[in-house]
């Protein structure tokens, strides 16, 4: 079978990214233009600014990625775009741009789910072998997903309230840390010890997650100590929060491995960039003799490489979208 080159487009939040991937597992060229410094001025992503910056940057990103390779648009076999979930205005920029490329160059259009992209980023490291357990940890998602084949998703557990990445961002604000919250909480936690007693969420036999109560506990503890005039040891509070939040991920993953006789685990989503989580997951899988795959840092955060990789099975199945494709801010993909 001939080689398949897919161009992926990712604009779900505050990164404008375009990538070319060969056969779903070989990155040819990628450009990621982040808006992080701009949104840091506001303490978080401002949707209107994000969509405007995507509009200003996306053509330049396309030109840049094409300049990195001798592959032309004529050689591209399909255009894949992240259509959901995410910020609607941001997604619209990518979807409409993908439609234009599809129409002008007469290429099939593939609508790829953002979370599928995070999962299939692992295919860029090692070919996915099924069945497997995908541990999805991101700003909007926390899920345990059983996969018995390509695009065969069964949710074993999900968050009943906040996602873990969202919780990290809110705790970061309480601690007076800049955006993005996750990396800054982790840096601060390295200087502290888990001395604060925080509630252990979802300490039961369910595979679901909960982070809202933990978030509230950190907020209340910080507020109460301040009201009493006591010094809040922010390093210790960050460390305590990190330990408890990731302990929940590890506990639930262990339960799923035992319950479903899992032999392979992959980790997906922006929070998988956490060195602490990676170390804890590696220890768990080593102890349980389970094969573990975690994407390198550059594939953990939002990027178009993962979108192009995830689109490959769709391409093989001729799962193409029409020019009436709509962006969706939320989507029950699984």
Protein backbone atom coordinates (compact mmCIF):
# COMPACT_ATOMS: atom_id res chain seq x y z
CA UNK A 1 0.00 0.00 0.00
CA UNK A 2 1.28 3.45 -0.87
CA UNK A 3 2.37 5.85 1.83
CA UNK A 4 -0.38 8.12 3.13
CA UNK A 5 0.39 11.73 4.05
CA UNK A 6 -2.19 13.47 6.21
CA UNK A 7 -2.11 17.16 7.10
CA UNK A 8 -3.50 17.82 10.57
CA UNK A 9 -4.84 21.13 11.85
CA UNK A 10 -5.29 21.92 15.56
CA UNK A 11 -6.84 25.15 16.91
CA UNK A 12 -8.99 23.94 19.80
CA UNK A 13 -7.58 26.34 22.40
CA UNK A 14 -4.55 28.64 22.30
CA UNK A 15 -2.12 26.79 20.03
CA UNK A 16 -2.21 27.19 16.25
CA UNK A 17 -0.65 24.04 14.85
CA UNK A 18 -0.36 22.29 11.49
CA UNK A 19 1.47 19.02 10.89
CA UNK A 20 2.16 16.44 8.19
CA UNK A 21 2.26 12.80 9.30
CA UNK A 22 3.09 9.74 7.22
CA UNK A 23 1.09 6.53 7.71
CA UNK A 24 -0.23 7.68 11.08
CA UNK A 25 3.02 7.18 12.94
CA UNK A 26 5.84 9.17 11.33
CA UNK A 27 6.03 12.92 11.87
CA UNK A 28 7.27 14.70 8.74
CA UNK A 29 6.94 18.33 9.80
CA UNK A 30 5.09 20.26 12.50
CA UNK A 31 4.65 23.88 13.46
CA UNK A 32 3.09 24.99 16.75
CA UNK A 33 2.54 28.68 17.40
CA UNK A 34 1.50 29.20 21.01
CA UNK A 35 -0.41 32.15 22.45
CA UNK A 36 0.65 31.32 26.02
CA UNK A 37 2.49 34.57 26.71
CA UNK A 38 -0.48 36.65 25.58
CA UNK A 39 -3.04 34.80 27.71
CA UNK A 40 -0.69 34.76 30.72
CA UNK A 41 -1.32 38.50 30.96
CA UNK A 42 -4.97 37.72 31.78
CA UNK A 43 -4.41 34.70 34.02
CA UNK A 44 -5.97 32.28 31.54
CA UNK A 45 -7.17 31.85 27.97
CA UNK A 46 -9.44 34.64 26.68
CA UNK A 47 -11.61 32.99 23.97
CA UNK A 48 -12.12 36.10 21.84
CA UNK A 49 -8.38 36.86 21.76
CA UNK A 50 -7.56 33.22 21.03
CA UNK A 51 -9.82 33.01 17.97
CA UNK A 52 -8.55 36.33 16.64
CA UNK A 53 -4.92 35.22 16.97
CA UNK A 54 -5.69 31.90 15.24
CA UNK A 55 -7.14 33.86 12.33
CA UNK A 56 -4.05 36.05 12.13
CA UNK A 57 -1.57 33.17 12.41
CA UNK A 58 -2.95 30.12 10.64
CA UNK A 59 -1.81 31.02 7.11
CA UNK A 60 1.71 31.73 8.38
CA UNK A 61 1.72 28.40 10.23
CA UNK A 62 0.80 26.58 7.01
CA UNK A 63 3.57 28.33 5.09
CA UNK A 64 6.06 27.49 7.84
CA UNK A 65 5.25 23.78 7.99
CA UNK A 66 5.46 23.45 4.19
CA UNK A 67 8.84 25.19 4.23
CA UNK A 68 10.20 22.39 6.46
CA UNK A 69 9.64 19.64 3.88
CA UNK A 70 9.61 19.03 0.14
CA UNK A 71 6.11 17.60 0.35
CA UNK A 72 3.64 19.84 -1.47
CA UNK A 73 -0.10 20.24 -0.98
CA UNK A 74 -0.62 18.13 -4.10
CA UNK A 75 1.10 15.18 -2.37
CA UNK A 76 -1.11 15.42 0.72
CA UNK A 77 -3.75 12.67 0.77
CA UNK A 78 -6.22 14.20 3.24
CA UNK A 79 -6.85 17.20 5.49
CA UNK A 80 -7.69 16.37 9.12
CA UNK A 81 -8.95 18.95 11.59
CA UNK A 82 -9.77 18.97 15.28
CA UNK A 83 -13.49 19.84 15.27
CA UNK A 84 -14.38 19.17 18.94
CA UNK A 85 -14.24 19.75 21.84
CA UNK A 86 -12.70 23.10 22.66
CA UNK A 87 -13.30 26.84 22.42
CA UNK A 88 -15.91 27.28 19.71
CA UNK A 89 -14.38 30.40 18.16
CA UNK A 90 -10.94 28.80 18.05
CA UNK A 91 -12.26 25.56 16.56
CA UNK A 92 -14.15 27.47 13.89
CA UNK A 93 -10.93 28.97 12.56
CA UNK A 94 -9.34 25.56 12.09
CA UNK A 95 -12.47 23.92 10.68
CA UNK A 96 -13.11 26.66 8.11
CA UNK A 97 -9.44 26.72 7.10
CA UNK A 98 -9.48 22.93 6.65
CA UNK A 99 -12.60 23.19 4.51
CA UNK A 100 -10.92 25.74 2.25
CA UNK A 101 -7.84 23.53 1.81
CA UNK A 102 -10.05 20.52 1.14
CA UNK A 103 -12.05 22.37 -1.48
CA UNK A 104 -9.17 24.14 -3.22
CA UNK A 105 -6.88 21.11 -3.39
CA UNK A 106 -9.66 18.52 -3.76
CA UNK A 107 -8.56 16.49 -0.74
CA UNK A 108 -10.78 14.40 1.56
CA UNK A 109 -11.74 16.17 4.80
CA UNK A 110 -11.47 14.26 8.07
CA UNK A 111 -13.17 15.43 11.28
CA UNK A 112 -10.98 14.27 14.17
CA UNK A 113 -11.89 14.45 17.82
CA UNK A 114 -9.38 16.32 19.97
CA UNK A 115 -9.26 13.61 22.66
CA UNK A 116 -8.78 10.90 20.04
CA UNK A 117 -5.79 12.98 18.98
CA UNK A 118 -4.30 12.84 22.48
CA UNK A 119 -4.83 9.08 22.59
CA UNK A 120 -3.31 8.43 19.16
CA UNK A 121 -0.29 10.60 19.98
CA UNK A 122 0.95 7.38 21.56
CA UNK A 123 1.01 5.81 18.09
CA UNK A 124 3.84 8.20 17.24
CA UNK A 125 5.90 6.47 19.93
CA UNK A 126 4.84 2.84 19.61
CA UNK A 127 2.13 1.19 17.53
CA UNK A 128 -1.00 0.77 19.61
CA UNK A 129 -1.64 -2.85 20.55
CA UNK A 130 -5.13 -3.77 21.69
CA UNK A 131 -6.75 -4.24 24.10
CA UNK A 132 -5.40 -1.35 26.13
CA UNK A 133 -6.39 1.13 28.81
CA UNK A 134 -6.13 4.83 27.93
CA UNK A 135 -5.73 7.14 30.92
CA UNK A 136 -6.95 10.52 29.64
CA UNK A 137 -5.89 13.49 31.77
CA UNK A 138 -6.36 17.00 30.41
CA UNK A 139 -7.83 20.41 31.09
CA UNK A 140 -11.34 19.26 30.21
CA UNK A 141 -11.21 15.48 30.57
CA UNK A 142 -10.32 12.81 33.10
CA UNK A 143 -11.28 9.35 31.88
CA UNK A 144 -10.34 5.71 31.87
CA UNK A 145 -11.07 4.34 28.40
CA UNK A 146 -10.89 0.69 27.36
CA UNK A 147 -9.94 0.17 23.70
CA UNK A 148 -10.30 -3.21 22.02
CA UNK A 149 -9.44 -1.87 18.58
CA UNK A 150 -9.00 1.31 16.55
CA UNK A 151 -11.73 3.80 17.45
CA UNK A 152 -13.42 1.30 19.75
CA UNK A 153 -13.84 3.30 22.94
CA UNK A 154 -15.54 2.18 26.14
CA UNK A 155 -15.49 4.63 29.03
CA UNK A 156 -14.87 2.79 32.30
CA UNK A 157 -14.75 5.93 34.43
CA UNK A 158 -14.98 9.68 34.04
CA UNK A 159 -14.99 12.79 36.20
CA UNK A 160 -18.29 13.60 37.86
CA UNK A 161 -17.37 17.30 38.11
CA UNK A 162 -14.09 19.08 37.32
CA UNK A 163 -11.31 17.65 35.18
CA UNK A 164 -7.86 17.34 36.72
CA UNK A 165 -6.28 20.00 34.49
CA UNK A 166 -9.04 22.48 35.32
CA UNK A 167 -8.49 21.79 39.02
CA UNK A 168 -4.76 22.45 38.71
CA UNK A 169 -5.44 25.79 37.01
CA UNK A 170 -7.81 26.91 39.76
CA UNK A 171 -5.49 25.82 42.55
CA UNK A 172 -2.67 27.71 40.82
CA UNK A 173 -4.72 30.91 41.03
CA UNK A 174 -5.31 30.37 44.74
CA UNK A 175 -1.58 29.97 45.23
CA UNK A 176 -0.88 33.13 43.24
CA UNK A 177 0.84 31.28 40.40
CA UNK A 178 0.80 32.45 36.77
CA UNK A 179 -0.89 30.71 33.84
CA UNK A 180 -0.52 27.89 32.84
CA UNK A 181 -1.33 26.39 36.23
CA UNK A 182 -0.16 22.78 35.95
CA UNK A 183 3.57 23.27 35.30
CA UNK A 184 3.78 26.06 37.87
CA UNK A 185 2.06 24.03 40.58
CA UNK A 186 4.48 21.19 39.89
CA UNK A 187 7.51 23.50 40.15
CA UNK A 188 6.28 24.88 43.46
CA UNK A 189 5.47 21.38 44.77
CA UNK A 190 9.07 20.32 44.22
CA UNK A 191 10.07 22.75 46.95
CA UNK A 192 7.52 21.49 49.47
CA UNK A 193 6.33 18.48 51.43
CA UNK A 194 2.84 16.92 51.63
CA UNK A 195 2.17 18.20 55.15
CA UNK A 196 -1.39 19.49 54.73
CA UNK A 197 -4.24 17.06 55.29
CA UNK A 198 -6.57 17.17 52.27
CA UNK A 199 -9.59 14.94 51.60
CA UNK A 200 -9.07 11.79 49.54
CA UNK A 201 -11.62 12.06 46.69
CA UNK A 202 -13.73 9.11 45.48
CA UNK A 203 -12.17 6.68 47.92
CA UNK A 204 -14.48 3.86 46.86
CA UNK A 205 -14.80 1.01 44.35
CA UNK A 206 -15.98 3.24 41.49
CA UNK A 207 -13.76 4.07 38.53
CA UNK A 208 -15.11 7.62 38.32
CA UNK A 209 -13.15 10.68 39.44
CA UNK A 210 -13.94 13.85 41.38
CA UNK A 211 -11.80 16.93 41.84
CA UNK A 212 -14.27 19.64 42.84
CA UNK A 213 -14.17 18.80 46.56
CA UNK A 214 -10.39 18.71 46.55
CA UNK A 215 -10.26 22.09 44.82
CA UNK A 216 -12.69 23.54 47.37
CA UNK A 217 -10.64 22.10 50.23
CA UNK A 218 -7.52 23.89 48.99
CA UNK A 219 -9.43 27.16 48.55
CA UNK A 220 -11.01 26.92 52.01
CA UNK A 221 -7.77 25.95 53.74
CA UNK A 222 -5.93 28.85 52.15
CA UNK A 223 -8.74 31.27 53.05
CA UNK A 224 -9.15 30.07 56.65
CA UNK A 225 -5.44 30.19 57.39
CA UNK A 226 -5.21 33.69 55.95
CA UNK A 227 -8.20 34.83 58.02
CA UNK A 228 -6.49 33.54 61.15
CA UNK A 229 -3.30 35.38 60.25
CA UNK A 230 -1.40 32.15 59.81
CA UNK A 231 1.24 31.82 57.13
CA UNK A 232 0.21 29.47 54.34
CA UNK A 233 3.17 27.39 53.25
CA UNK A 234 2.36 27.48 49.56
CA UNK A 235 5.07 24.99 48.62
CA UNK A 236 3.66 22.43 51.06
CA UNK A 237 0.08 23.11 49.97
CA UNK A 238 1.01 22.65 46.31
CA UNK A 239 2.84 19.44 47.16
CA UNK A 240 -0.06 18.13 49.25
CA UNK A 241 -2.56 18.90 46.49
CA UNK A 242 -0.41 17.26 43.83
CA UNK A 243 0.00 14.09 45.87
CA UNK A 244 -3.72 13.71 46.60
CA UNK A 245 -4.91 14.55 43.08
CA UNK A 246 -2.53 12.17 41.34
CA UNK A 247 -3.06 9.50 43.99
CA UNK A 248 -6.65 9.34 42.76
CA UNK A 249 -5.48 8.81 39.16
CA UNK A 250 -3.10 6.04 40.20
CA UNK A 251 -5.66 4.32 42.49
CA UNK A 252 -8.35 4.24 39.81
CA UNK A 253 -5.91 3.11 37.13
CA UNK A 254 -4.76 0.24 39.37
CA UNK A 255 -8.38 -0.77 39.97
CA UNK A 256 -9.11 -0.79 36.23
CA UNK A 257 -5.98 -2.83 35.48
CA UNK A 258 -7.01 -5.46 38.03
CA UNK A 259 -10.70 -5.46 37.13
CA UNK A 260 -10.23 -5.78 33.36
CA UNK A 261 -6.95 -7.75 33.31
CA UNK A 262 -5.16 -4.95 31.46
CA UNK A 263 -1.71 -5.66 29.98
CA UNK A 264 -1.13 -2.32 28.20
CA UNK A 265 -1.65 1.25 29.43
CA UNK A 266 -1.25 4.51 27.54
CA UNK A 267 -1.48 8.00 29.02
CA UNK A 268 -3.00 10.86 27.04
CA UNK A 269 -3.70 14.56 27.45
CA UNK A 270 -1.89 17.70 28.52
CA UNK A 271 -1.58 16.70 32.18
CA UNK A 272 0.51 13.70 31.10
CA UNK A 273 3.36 16.21 30.77
CA UNK A 274 3.59 16.15 34.58
CA UNK A 275 6.89 14.55 35.60
CA UNK A 276 5.37 13.52 38.94
CA UNK A 277 2.45 11.71 37.26
CA UNK A 278 4.76 10.06 34.74
CA UNK A 279 6.99 8.75 37.53
CA UNK A 280 4.02 7.45 39.54
CA UNK A 281 2.49 5.78 36.47
CA UNK A 282 5.81 4.17 35.57
CA UNK A 283 6.13 2.80 39.10
CA UNK A 284 2.58 1.43 39.05
CA UNK A 285 2.95 -0.32 35.70
CA UNK A 286 6.35 -1.72 36.62
CA UNK A 287 4.95 -3.17 39.84
CA UNK A 288 1.96 -4.66 38.01
CA UNK A 289 4.05 -5.84 35.04
CA UNK A 290 2.01 -3.81 32.59
CA UNK A 291 3.38 -2.26 29.40
CA UNK A 292 3.23 1.56 29.56
CA UNK A 293 3.44 4.19 26.83
CA UNK A 294 3.51 7.94 27.45
CA UNK A 295 4.11 10.40 24.60
CA UNK A 296 7.15 12.70 24.77
CA UNK A 297 6.48 16.18 26.11
CA UNK A 298 6.01 17.75 22.68
CA UNK A 299 3.06 15.43 21.95
CA UNK A 300 1.38 15.86 25.35
CA UNK A 301 0.20 19.44 24.94
CA UNK A 302 -2.05 20.46 22.02
CA UNK A 303 -0.45 19.86 18.63
CA UNK A 304 -1.53 18.95 15.10
CA UNK A 305 0.76 15.92 14.89
CA UNK A 306 -1.60 13.97 17.12
CA UNK A 307 -4.59 15.04 14.99
CA UNK A 308 -2.98 13.77 11.80
CA UNK A 309 -1.99 10.53 13.56
CA UNK A 310 -5.52 9.96 14.86
CA UNK A 311 -6.96 10.63 11.41
CA UNK A 312 -5.06 7.76 9.78
CA UNK A 313 -7.49 4.99 10.85
CA UNK A 314 -10.34 7.26 9.73
CA UNK A 315 -8.67 7.66 6.34
CA UNK A 316 -8.30 3.89 5.93
CA UNK A 317 -12.01 3.48 6.72
CA UNK A 318 -12.99 6.32 4.36
CA UNK A 319 -14.53 8.14 7.31
CA UNK A 320 -14.68 11.52 5.59
CA UNK A 321 -16.62 14.68 6.44
CA UNK A 322 -18.47 17.02 4.13
CA UNK A 323 -18.01 20.74 3.70
CA UNK A 324 -20.97 21.19 6.04
CA UNK A 325 -18.76 20.08 8.97
CA UNK A 326 -19.46 22.14 12.09
CA UNK A 327 -17.18 22.86 15.04
CA UNK A 328 -18.50 21.79 18.45
CA UNK A 329 -17.45 23.19 21.79
CA UNK A 330 -18.43 19.95 23.53
CA UNK A 331 -18.85 16.46 22.20
CA UNK A 332 -19.65 13.09 23.72
CA UNK A 333 -17.19 11.30 21.52
CA UNK A 334 -16.91 8.06 23.48
